[in-house]
PDB file of all heavy atoms in Angstrom:
ATOM      1  N   GLN A   1    -146.373-204.951  76.330  1.00  0.00           N
ATOM      2  CA  GLN A   1    -146.554-205.931  75.255  1.00  0.00           C
ATOM      3  C   GLN A   1    -145.808-205.467  73.997  1.00  0.00           C
ATOM      4  O   GLN A   1    -146.319-204.691  73.193  1.00  0.00           O
ATOM      5  CB  GLN A   1    -148.055-206.122  74.998  1.00  0.00           C
ATOM      6  CG  GLN A   1    -148.748-206.769  76.185  1.00  0.00           C
ATOM      7  CD  GLN A   1    -150.220-206.492  76.313  1.00  0.00           C
ATOM      8  OE1 GLN A   1    -150.806-206.591  77.401  1.00  0.00           O
ATOM      9  NE2 GLN A   1    -150.874-206.131  75.226  1.00  0.00           N
ATOM     10  N   TRP A   2    -144.590-206.008  73.826  1.00  0.00           N
ATOM     11  CA  TRP A   2    -143.731-205.568  72.729  1.00  0.00           C
ATOM     12  C   TRP A   2    -144.028-206.305  71.421  1.00  0.00           C
ATOM     13  O   TRP A   2    -143.970-205.725  70.340  1.00  0.00           O
ATOM     14  CB  TRP A   2    -142.272-205.751  73.111  1.00  0.00           C
ATOM     15  CG  TRP A   2    -141.851-204.865  74.237  1.00  0.00           C
ATOM     16  CD1 TRP A   2    -141.609-205.220  75.536  1.00  0.00           C
ATOM     17  CD2 TRP A   2    -141.661-203.451  74.183  1.00  0.00           C
ATOM     18  NE1 TRP A   2    -141.283-204.118  76.282  1.00  0.00           N
ATOM     19  CE2 TRP A   2    -141.286-203.020  75.476  1.00  0.00           C
ATOM     20  CE3 TRP A   2    -141.752-202.504  73.155  1.00  0.00           C
ATOM     21  CZ2 TRP A   2    -141.023-201.680  75.777  1.00  0.00           C
ATOM     22  CZ3 TRP A   2    -141.486-201.178  73.448  1.00  0.00           C
ATOM     23  CH2 TRP A   2    -141.119-200.776  74.743  1.00  0.00           C
ATOM     24  N   ASP A   3    -144.301-207.600  71.519  1.00  0.00           N
ATOM     25  CA  ASP A   3    -144.578-208.372  70.298  1.00  0.00           C
ATOM     26  C   ASP A   3    -145.407-209.596  70.676  1.00  0.00           C
ATOM     27  O   ASP A   3    -145.879-209.708  71.810  1.00  0.00           O
ATOM     28  CB  ASP A   3    -143.279-208.761  69.578  1.00  0.00           C
ATOM     29  CG  ASP A   3    -142.304-209.524  70.490  1.00  0.00           C
ATOM     30  OD1 ASP A   3    -142.767-210.390  71.279  1.00  0.00           O
ATOM     31  OD2 ASP A   3    -141.093-209.283  70.410  1.00  0.00           O
ATOM     32  N   ASP A   4    -145.586-210.531  69.724  1.00  0.00           N
ATOM     33  CA  ASP A   4    -146.421-211.706  69.993  1.00  0.00           C
ATOM     34  C   ASP A   4    -145.597-212.938  70.347  1.00  0.00           C
ATOM     35  O   ASP A   4    -146.102-214.059  70.316  1.00  0.00           O
ATOM     36  CB  ASP A   4    -147.335-211.999  68.798  1.00  0.00           C
ATOM     37  CG  ASP A   4    -146.541-212.295  67.530  1.00  0.00           C
ATOM     38  OD1 ASP A   4    -145.288-212.256  67.572  1.00  0.00           O
ATOM     39  OD2 ASP A   4    -147.171-212.567  66.487  1.00  0.00           O
ATOM     40  N   SER A   5    -144.335-212.735  70.713  1.00  0.00           N
ATOM     41  CA  SER A   5    -143.487-213.859  71.104  1.00  0.00           C
ATOM     42  C   SER A   5    -143.720-214.216  72.572  1.00  0.00           C
ATOM     43  O   SER A   5    -144.584-213.632  73.237  1.00  0.00           O
ATOM     44  CB  SER A   5    -142.018-213.526  70.855  1.00  0.00           C
ATOM     45  OG  SER A   5    -141.589-212.483  71.723  1.00  0.00           O
ATOM     46  N   PHE A   6    -142.953-215.140  73.077  1.00  0.00           N
ATOM     47  CA  PHE A   6    -143.076-215.601  74.461  1.00  0.00           C
ATOM     48  C   PHE A   6    -143.034-214.420  75.434  1.00  0.00           C
ATOM     49  O   PHE A   6    -142.166-213.554  75.347  1.00  0.00           O
ATOM     50  CB  PHE A   6    -141.934-216.575  74.771  1.00  0.00           C
ATOM     51  CG  PHE A   6    -141.953-217.128  76.169  1.00  0.00           C
ATOM     52  CD1 PHE A   6    -142.893-218.083  76.544  1.00  0.00           C
ATOM     53  CD2 PHE A   6    -141.035-216.687  77.111  1.00  0.00           C
ATOM     54  CE1 PHE A   6    -142.909-218.595  77.830  1.00  0.00           C
ATOM     55  CE2 PHE A   6    -141.046-217.198  78.399  1.00  0.00           C
ATOM     56  CZ  PHE A   6    -141.984-218.148  78.756  1.00  0.00           C
ATOM     57  N   ASN A   7    -143.991-214.379  76.358  1.00  0.00           N
ATOM     58  CA  ASN A   7    -144.103-213.309  77.351  1.00  0.00           C
ATOM     59  C   ASN A   7    -144.155-211.922  76.711  1.00  0.00           C
ATOM     60  O   ASN A   7    -143.696-210.931  77.285  1.00  0.00           O
ATOM     61  CB  ASN A   7    -142.951-213.373  78.360  1.00  0.00           C
ATOM     62  CG  ASN A   7    -143.193-214.401  79.445  1.00  0.00           C
ATOM     63  OD1 ASN A   7    -144.332-214.768  79.733  1.00  0.00           O
ATOM     64  ND2 ASN A   7    -142.127-214.894  80.057  1.00  0.00           N
ATOM     65  N   ALA A   8    -144.727-211.858  75.528  1.00  0.00           N
ATOM     66  CA  ALA A   8    -144.901-210.590  74.802  1.00  0.00           C
ATOM     67  C   ALA A   8    -143.586-209.861  74.549  1.00  0.00           C
ATOM     68  O   ALA A   8    -143.555-208.644  74.380  1.00  0.00           O
ATOM     69  CB  ALA A   8    -145.876-209.674  75.556  1.00  0.00           C
ATOM     70  N   GLY A   9    -142.474-210.612  74.540  1.00  0.00           N
ATOM     71  CA  GLY A   9    -141.169-210.009  74.310  1.00  0.00           C
ATOM     72  C   GLY A   9    -140.656-209.205  75.483  1.00  0.00           C
ATOM     73  O   GLY A   9    -139.627-208.532  75.390  1.00  0.00           O
ATOM     74  N   PHE A  10    -141.350-209.302  76.614  1.00  0.00           N
ATOM     75  CA  PHE A  10    -140.970-208.525  77.798  1.00  0.00           C
ATOM     76  C   PHE A  10    -139.846-209.191  78.580  1.00  0.00           C
ATOM     77  O   PHE A  10    -138.960-208.521  79.117  1.00  0.00           O
ATOM     78  CB  PHE A  10    -142.199-208.334  78.700  1.00  0.00           C
ATOM     79  CG  PHE A  10    -141.936-207.551  79.953  1.00  0.00           C
ATOM     80  CD1 PHE A  10    -141.935-206.174  79.926  1.00  0.00           C
ATOM     81  CD2 PHE A  10    -141.697-208.195  81.168  1.00  0.00           C
ATOM     82  CE1 PHE A  10    -141.687-205.441  81.077  1.00  0.00           C
ATOM     83  CE2 PHE A  10    -141.462-207.472  82.326  1.00  0.00           C
ATOM     84  CZ  PHE A  10    -141.453-206.094  82.278  1.00  0.00           C
ATOM     85  N   SER A  11    -139.877-210.514  78.650  1.00  0.00           N
ATOM     86  CA  SER A  11    -138.886-211.234  79.444  1.00  0.00           C
ATOM     87  C   SER A  11    -138.729-212.653  78.900  1.00  0.00           C
ATOM     88  O   SER A  11    -139.687-213.261  78.417  1.00  0.00           O
ATOM     89  CB  SER A  11    -139.334-211.295  80.917  1.00  0.00           C
ATOM     90  OG  SER A  11    -138.470-212.118  81.669  1.00  0.00           O
ATOM     91  N   SER A  12    -137.514-213.169  78.989  1.00  0.00           N
ATOM     92  CA  SER A  12    -137.244-214.550  78.585  1.00  0.00           C
ATOM     93  C   SER A  12    -137.399-215.520  79.745  1.00  0.00           C
ATOM     94  O   SER A  12    -137.274-216.737  79.572  1.00  0.00           O
ATOM     95  CB  SER A  12    -135.820-214.661  78.016  1.00  0.00           C
ATOM     96  OG  SER A  12    -134.863-214.242  78.993  1.00  0.00           O
ATOM     97  N   ASN A  13    -137.673-215.003  80.942  1.00  0.00           N
ATOM     98  CA  ASN A  13    -137.872-215.878  82.102  1.00  0.00           C
ATOM     99  C   ASN A  13    -139.167-216.681  81.948  1.00  0.00           C
ATOM    100  O   ASN A  13    -140.115-216.225  81.306  1.00  0.00           O
ATOM    101  CB  ASN A  13    -137.950-215.053  83.387  1.00  0.00           C
ATOM    102  CG  ASN A  13    -136.594-214.524  83.810  1.00  0.00           C
ATOM    103  OD1 ASN A  13    -135.571-215.079  83.460  1.00  0.00           O
ATOM    104  ND2 ASN A  13    -136.601-213.421  84.546  1.00  0.00           N
ATOM    105  N   PRO A  14    -139.222-217.868  82.529  1.00  0.00           N
ATOM    106  CA  PRO A  14    -140.449-218.683  82.443  1.00  0.00           C
ATOM    107  C   PRO A  14    -141.681-217.954  82.967  1.00  0.00           C
ATOM    108  O   PRO A  14    -142.776-218.079  82.427  1.00  0.00           O
ATOM    109  CB  PRO A  14    -140.114-219.913  83.296  1.00  0.00           C
ATOM    110  CG  PRO A  14    -138.629-219.990  83.306  1.00  0.00           C
ATOM    111  CD  PRO A  14    -138.139-218.566  83.264  1.00  0.00           C
ATOM    112  N   ASN A  15    -141.488-217.181  84.042  1.00  0.00           N
ATOM    113  CA  ASN A  15    -142.603-216.438  84.631  1.00  0.00           C
ATOM    114  C   ASN A  15    -142.181-215.002  84.886  1.00  0.00           C
ATOM    115  O   ASN A  15    -141.045-214.741  85.281  1.00  0.00           O
ATOM    116  CB  ASN A  15    -143.053-217.075  85.951  1.00  0.00           C
ATOM    117  CG  ASN A  15    -143.614-218.464  85.760  1.00  0.00           C
ATOM    118  OD1 ASN A  15    -144.638-218.642  85.125  1.00  0.00           O
ATOM    119  ND2 ASN A  15    -142.920-219.466  86.282  1.00  0.00           N
ATOM    120  N   THR A  16    -143.102-214.082  84.658  1.00  0.00           N
ATOM    121  CA  THR A  16    -142.854-212.678  84.977  1.00  0.00           C
ATOM    122  C   THR A  16    -143.454-212.366  86.346  1.00  0.00           C
ATOM    123  O   THR A  16    -144.278-213.119  86.870  1.00  0.00           O
ATOM    124  CB  THR A  16    -143.476-211.767  83.910  1.00  0.00           C
ATOM    125  OG1 THR A  16    -144.848-212.149  83.693  1.00  0.00           O
ATOM    126  CG2 THR A  16    -142.718-211.866  82.601  1.00  0.00           C
ATOM    127  N   TYR A  17    -143.028-211.241  86.920  1.00  0.00           N
ATOM    128  CA  TYR A  17    -143.481-210.851  88.257  1.00  0.00           C
ATOM    129  C   TYR A  17    -145.004-210.828  88.321  1.00  0.00           C
ATOM    130  O   TYR A  17    -145.614-211.369  89.249  1.00  0.00           O
ATOM    131  CB  TYR A  17    -142.903-209.480  88.592  1.00  0.00           C
ATOM    132  CG  TYR A  17    -143.266-208.950  89.964  1.00  0.00           C
ATOM    133  CD1 TYR A  17    -142.699-209.493  91.115  1.00  0.00           C
ATOM    134  CD2 TYR A  17    -144.155-207.889  90.107  1.00  0.00           C
ATOM    135  CE1 TYR A  17    -143.018-208.998  92.376  1.00  0.00           C
ATOM    136  CE2 TYR A  17    -144.477-207.382  91.357  1.00  0.00           C
ATOM    137  CZ  TYR A  17    -143.909-207.946  92.488  1.00  0.00           C
ATOM    138  OH  TYR A  17    -144.236-207.450  93.723  1.00  0.00           O
ATOM    139  N   LEU A  18    -145.625-210.209  87.358  1.00  0.00           N
ATOM    140  CA  LEU A  18    -147.066-210.283  87.144  1.00  0.00           C
ATOM    141  C   LEU A  18    -147.292-210.919  85.774  1.00  0.00           C
ATOM    142  O   LEU A  18    -146.453-210.789  84.883  1.00  0.00           O
ATOM    143  CB  LEU A  18    -147.702-208.893  87.191  1.00  0.00           C
ATOM    144  CG  LEU A  18    -147.800-208.237  88.571  1.00  0.00           C
ATOM    145  CD1 LEU A  18    -148.179-206.766  88.443  1.00  0.00           C
ATOM    146  CD2 LEU A  18    -148.805-208.961  89.449  1.00  0.00           C
ATOM    147  N   PRO A  19    -148.417-211.605  85.566  1.00  0.00           N
ATOM    148  CA  PRO A  19    -148.628-212.301  84.293  1.00  0.00           C
ATOM    149  C   PRO A  19    -148.804-211.335  83.122  1.00  0.00           C
ATOM    150  O   PRO A  19    -149.243-210.202  83.289  1.00  0.00           O
ATOM    151  CB  PRO A  19    -149.913-213.101  84.544  1.00  0.00           C
ATOM    152  CG  PRO A  19    -150.634-212.331  85.604  1.00  0.00           C
ATOM    153  CD  PRO A  19    -149.562-211.786  86.493  1.00  0.00           C
ATOM    154  N   VAL A  20    -148.453-211.817  81.934  1.00  0.00           N
ATOM    155  CA  VAL A  20    -148.685-211.061  80.706  1.00  0.00           C
ATOM    156  C   VAL A  20    -150.170-211.118  80.369  1.00  0.00           C
ATOM    157  O   VAL A  20    -150.800-212.178  80.468  1.00  0.00           O
ATOM    158  CB  VAL A  20    -147.851-211.638  79.548  1.00  0.00           C
ATOM    159  CG1 VAL A  20    -148.180-210.939  78.232  1.00  0.00           C
ATOM    160  CG2 VAL A  20    -146.362-211.519  79.863  1.00  0.00           C
ATOM    161  N   SER A  21    -150.733-209.973  79.976  1.00  0.00           N
ATOM    162  CA  SER A  21    -152.161-209.933  79.644  1.00  0.00           C
ATOM    163  C   SER A  21    -152.454-210.795  78.422  1.00  0.00           C
ATOM    164  O   SER A  21    -151.648-210.879  77.487  1.00  0.00           O
ATOM    165  CB  SER A  21    -152.599-208.497  79.381  1.00  0.00           C
ATOM    166  OG  SER A  21    -153.997-208.423  79.245  1.00  0.00           O
ATOM    167  N   SER A  22    -153.618-211.411  78.420  1.00  0.00           N
ATOM    168  CA  SER A  22    -153.952-212.410  77.399  1.00  0.00           C
ATOM    169  C   SER A  22    -154.077-211.834  75.995  1.00  0.00           C
ATOM    170  O   SER A  22    -154.029-212.564  75.014  1.00  0.00           O
ATOM    171  CB  SER A  22    -155.262-213.116  77.784  1.00  0.00           C
ATOM    172  OG  SER A  22    -156.308-212.169  77.934  1.00  0.00           O
ATOM    173  N   GLU A  23    -154.230-210.506  75.857  1.00  0.00           N
ATOM    174  CA  GLU A  23    -154.424-209.937  74.529  1.00  0.00           C
ATOM    175  C   GLU A  23    -153.111-209.619  73.815  1.00  0.00           C
ATOM    176  O   GLU A  23    -153.101-209.054  72.724  1.00  0.00           O
ATOM    177  CB  GLU A  23    -155.287-208.673  74.606  1.00  0.00           C
ATOM    178  CG  GLU A  23    -154.540-207.385  74.942  1.00  0.00           C
ATOM    179  CD  GLU A  23    -154.450-207.060  76.414  1.00  0.00           C
ATOM    180  OE1 GLU A  23    -154.919-207.900  77.233  1.00  0.00           O
ATOM    181  OE2 GLU A  23    -153.931-206.009  76.784  1.00  0.00           O
ATOM    182  N   TYR A  24    -151.961-209.997  74.421  1.00  0.00           N
ATOM    183  CA  TYR A  24    -150.664-209.579  73.880  1.00  0.00           C
ATOM    184  C   TYR A  24    -150.413-210.054  72.463  1.00  0.00           C
ATOM    185  O   TYR A  24    -149.712-209.391  71.687  1.00  0.00           O
ATOM    186  CB  TYR A  24    -149.526-210.075  74.789  1.00  0.00           C
ATOM    187  CG  TYR A  24    -149.156-211.532  74.591  1.00  0.00           C
ATOM    188  CD1 TYR A  24    -148.149-211.878  73.693  1.00  0.00           C
ATOM    189  CD2 TYR A  24    -149.803-212.544  75.282  1.00  0.00           C
ATOM    190  CE1 TYR A  24    -147.799-213.210  73.498  1.00  0.00           C
ATOM    191  CE2 TYR A  24    -149.473-213.863  75.092  1.00  0.00           C
ATOM    192  CZ  TYR A  24    -148.466-214.197  74.202  1.00  0.00           C
ATOM    193  OH  TYR A  24    -148.122-215.516  74.001  1.00  0.00           O
ATOM    194  N   TRP A  25    -150.980-211.219  72.081  1.00  0.00           N
ATOM    195  CA  TRP A  25    -150.743-211.760  70.741  1.00  0.00           C
ATOM    196  C   TRP A  25    -151.316-210.853  69.650  1.00  0.00           C
ATOM    197  O   TRP A  25    -150.861-210.830  68.511  1.00  0.00           O
ATOM    198  CB  TRP A  25    -151.368-213.164  70.619  1.00  0.00           C
ATOM    199  CG  TRP A  25    -152.872-213.148  70.768  1.00  0.00           C
ATOM    200  CD1 TRP A  25    -153.573-213.209  71.938  1.00  0.00           C
ATOM    201  CD2 TRP A  25    -153.840-213.032  69.729  1.00  0.00           C
ATOM    202  NE1 TRP A  25    -154.925-213.138  71.702  1.00  0.00           N
ATOM    203  CE2 TRP A  25    -155.122-213.038  70.349  1.00  0.00           C
ATOM    204  CE3 TRP A  25    -153.781-212.939  68.342  1.00  0.00           C
ATOM    205  CZ2 TRP A  25    -156.307-212.939  69.631  1.00  0.00           C
ATOM    206  CZ3 TRP A  25    -154.971-212.850  67.619  1.00  0.00           C
ATOM    207  CH2 TRP A  25    -156.211-212.856  68.263  1.00  0.00           C
TER     208      TRP A  25
END
């Protein structure tokens, strides 16, 4: 979880291999 942007700043893809945890924001 890098930041509070889309997919926590981890990936710009619509979906990640595993979901981003809900607390990333």
